[in-house]
């Protein structure tokens, strides 16, 4: 899939060979076949919601509910950008 395939109806899930783990120092990391991504801030929360069951719209709603004082449009832009970057690295795919 390409980034243009991302829609609010997409069901993101971890890509093949990718796993989320807690590092020895307590950081949450995303293990990729070609490396490791440290997940900071809300990134770990977003990744946990990428279970293949929830849609992008569900994830946006969950994050907007968790951060009600934040601008919903900004939340949507940041999450969509984050998911697209993960898609480019094949860390997530979409159903």
C-alpha atoms as a PDB file:
ATOM      1  CA  UNK A   1       0.000   0.000   0.000  1.00  0.00           C
ATOM      2  CA  UNK A   2       1.031   3.569  -0.465  1.00  0.00           C
ATOM      3  CA  UNK A   3       0.411   6.515   1.808  1.00  0.00           C
ATOM      4  CA  UNK A   4      -2.553   7.586  -0.324  1.00  0.00           C
ATOM      5  CA  UNK A   5      -4.315   4.350   0.724  1.00  0.00           C
ATOM      6  CA  UNK A   6      -4.588   5.524   4.335  1.00  0.00           C
ATOM      7  CA  UNK A   7      -8.172   6.392   5.196  1.00  0.00           C
ATOM      8  CA  UNK A   8     -10.176   6.736   8.372  1.00  0.00           C
ATOM      9  CA  UNK A   9     -11.696   3.319   7.557  1.00  0.00           C
ATOM     10  CA  UNK A  10      -8.251   1.634   7.391  1.00  0.00           C
ATOM     11  CA  UNK A  11      -7.387  -0.918  10.083  1.00  0.00           C
ATOM     12  CA  UNK A  12      -3.699  -0.433  10.970  1.00  0.00           C
ATOM     13  CA  UNK A  13      -1.738  -3.303  12.478  1.00  0.00           C
ATOM     14  CA  UNK A  14       1.914  -4.042  13.078  1.00  0.00           C
ATOM     15  CA  UNK A  15       3.821  -5.139  10.012  1.00  0.00           C
ATOM     16  CA  UNK A  16       5.215  -8.620   9.553  1.00  0.00           C
ATOM     17  CA  UNK A  17       8.141  -9.209  11.876  1.00  0.00           C
ATOM     18  CA  UNK A  18       7.442  -6.103  14.003  1.00  0.00           C
ATOM     19  CA  UNK A  19       6.934  -6.284  17.764  1.00  0.00           C
ATOM     20  CA  UNK A  20       6.488  -3.818  20.630  1.00  0.00           C
ATOM     21  CA  UNK A  21       8.662  -4.412  23.681  1.00  0.00           C
ATOM     22  CA  UNK A  22       9.826  -2.671  26.836  1.00  0.00           C
ATOM     23  CA  UNK A  23      13.566  -2.071  26.759  1.00  0.00           C
ATOM     24  CA  UNK A  24      15.714  -2.699  29.835  1.00  0.00           C
ATOM     25  CA  UNK A  25      15.714   1.042  30.538  1.00  0.00           C
ATOM     26  CA  UNK A  26      11.894   1.077  30.598  1.00  0.00           C
ATOM     27  CA  UNK A  27      11.436   2.702  27.182  1.00  0.00           C
ATOM     28  CA  UNK A  28       8.889   1.261  24.804  1.00  0.00           C
ATOM     29  CA  UNK A  29      10.485   0.218  21.529  1.00  0.00           C
ATOM     30  CA  UNK A  30       9.178  -1.041  18.223  1.00  0.00           C
ATOM     31  CA  UNK A  31      11.344  -3.873  16.939  1.00  0.00           C
ATOM     32  CA  UNK A  32      11.583  -3.922  13.151  1.00  0.00           C
ATOM     33  CA  UNK A  33      13.297  -6.527  10.984  1.00  0.00           C
ATOM     34  CA  UNK A  34      15.957  -3.913  10.136  1.00  0.00           C
ATOM     35  CA  UNK A  35      16.230  -2.065  13.442  1.00  0.00           C
ATOM     36  CA  UNK A  36      14.589  -0.538  16.480  1.00  0.00           C
ATOM     37  CA  UNK A  37      12.417   2.562  16.890  1.00  0.00           C
ATOM     38  CA  UNK A  38      12.174   4.176  20.309  1.00  0.00           C
ATOM     39  CA  UNK A  39       8.576   5.199  20.912  1.00  0.00           C
ATOM     40  CA  UNK A  40       8.309   8.474  22.781  1.00  0.00           C
ATOM     41  CA  UNK A  41       5.297  10.413  23.988  1.00  0.00           C
ATOM     42  CA  UNK A  42       2.025   9.281  22.503  1.00  0.00           C
ATOM     43  CA  UNK A  43       3.709   7.090  19.875  1.00  0.00           C
ATOM     44  CA  UNK A  44       3.559   4.016  22.133  1.00  0.00           C
ATOM     45  CA  UNK A  45      -0.129   4.651  22.841  1.00  0.00           C
ATOM     46  CA  UNK A  46      -0.908   4.931  19.134  1.00  0.00           C
ATOM     47  CA  UNK A  47       1.035   1.757  18.319  1.00  0.00           C
ATOM     48  CA  UNK A  48      -0.876  -0.173  21.009  1.00  0.00           C
ATOM     49  CA  UNK A  49      -4.118   0.844  19.294  1.00  0.00           C
ATOM     50  CA  UNK A  50      -2.879  -0.493  15.926  1.00  0.00           C
ATOM     51  CA  UNK A  51      -4.287  -3.966  16.478  1.00  0.00           C
ATOM     52  CA  UNK A  52      -5.962  -4.572  13.115  1.00  0.00           C
ATOM     53  CA  UNK A  53      -9.371  -4.320  14.773  1.00  0.00           C
ATOM     54  CA  UNK A  54      -9.595  -0.563  15.307  1.00  0.00           C
ATOM     55  CA  UNK A  55      -9.905   1.825  12.404  1.00  0.00           C
ATOM     56  CA  UNK A  56      -7.856   4.982  12.016  1.00  0.00           C
ATOM     57  CA  UNK A  57     -11.051   6.841  12.993  1.00  0.00           C
ATOM     58  CA  UNK A  58     -11.253   4.753  16.206  1.00  0.00           C
ATOM     59  CA  UNK A  59      -7.631   5.590  17.024  1.00  0.00           C
ATOM     60  CA  UNK A  60      -8.220   9.292  16.367  1.00  0.00           C
ATOM     61  CA  UNK A  61     -11.291   9.219  18.615  1.00  0.00           C
ATOM     62  CA  UNK A  62      -9.432   7.449  21.410  1.00  0.00           C
ATOM     63  CA  UNK A  63      -6.552   9.903  21.319  1.00  0.00           C
ATOM     64  CA  UNK A  64      -8.883  12.913  21.112  1.00  0.00           C
ATOM     65  CA  UNK A  65     -10.781  11.583  24.145  1.00  0.00           C
ATOM     66  CA  UNK A  66      -7.508  11.131  26.035  1.00  0.00           C
ATOM     67  CA  UNK A  67      -6.341  14.655  25.156  1.00  0.00           C
ATOM     68  CA  UNK A  68      -9.570  16.721  25.044  1.00  0.00           C
ATOM     69  CA  UNK A  69      -7.805  20.074  25.402  1.00  0.00           C
ATOM     70  CA  UNK A  70      -5.756  19.478  22.225  1.00  0.00           C
ATOM     71  CA  UNK A  71      -6.917  20.615  18.799  1.00  0.00           C
ATOM     72  CA  UNK A  72      -8.667  17.619  17.133  1.00  0.00           C
ATOM     73  CA  UNK A  73      -7.391  18.633  13.683  1.00  0.00           C
ATOM     74  CA  UNK A  74      -3.817  18.756  14.925  1.00  0.00           C
ATOM     75  CA  UNK A  75      -4.209  15.348  16.596  1.00  0.00           C
ATOM     76  CA  UNK A  76      -5.563  13.904  13.337  1.00  0.00           C
ATOM     77  CA  UNK A  77      -2.723  15.408  11.273  1.00  0.00           C
ATOM     78  CA  UNK A  78      -0.043  14.146  13.641  1.00  0.00           C
ATOM     79  CA  UNK A  79      -1.472  10.635  13.893  1.00  0.00           C
ATOM     80  CA  UNK A  80      -1.953  10.356  10.131  1.00  0.00           C
ATOM     81  CA  UNK A  81       1.606  11.600   9.548  1.00  0.00           C
ATOM     82  CA  UNK A  82       2.972   9.136  12.134  1.00  0.00           C
ATOM     83  CA  UNK A  83       1.073   6.213  10.596  1.00  0.00           C
ATOM     84  CA  UNK A  84       2.258   7.162   7.108  1.00  0.00           C
ATOM     85  CA  UNK A  85       5.887   7.262   8.292  1.00  0.00           C
ATOM     86  CA  UNK A  86       5.430   3.825   9.879  1.00  0.00           C
ATOM     87  CA  UNK A  87       3.850   2.546   6.673  1.00  0.00           C
ATOM     88  CA  UNK A  88       6.852   3.765   4.667  1.00  0.00           C
ATOM     89  CA  UNK A  89       9.146   1.799   6.999  1.00  0.00           C
ATOM     90  CA  UNK A  90       6.811  -1.210   6.782  1.00  0.00           C
ATOM     91  CA  UNK A  91       6.316  -1.081  10.530  1.00  0.00           C
ATOM     92  CA  UNK A  92       2.539  -1.084  10.017  1.00  0.00           C
ATOM     93  CA  UNK A  93       0.226  -2.179   7.260  1.00  0.00           C
ATOM     94  CA  UNK A  94      -3.465  -1.636   6.708  1.00  0.00           C
ATOM     95  CA  UNK A  95      -6.378  -3.965   6.171  1.00  0.00           C
END
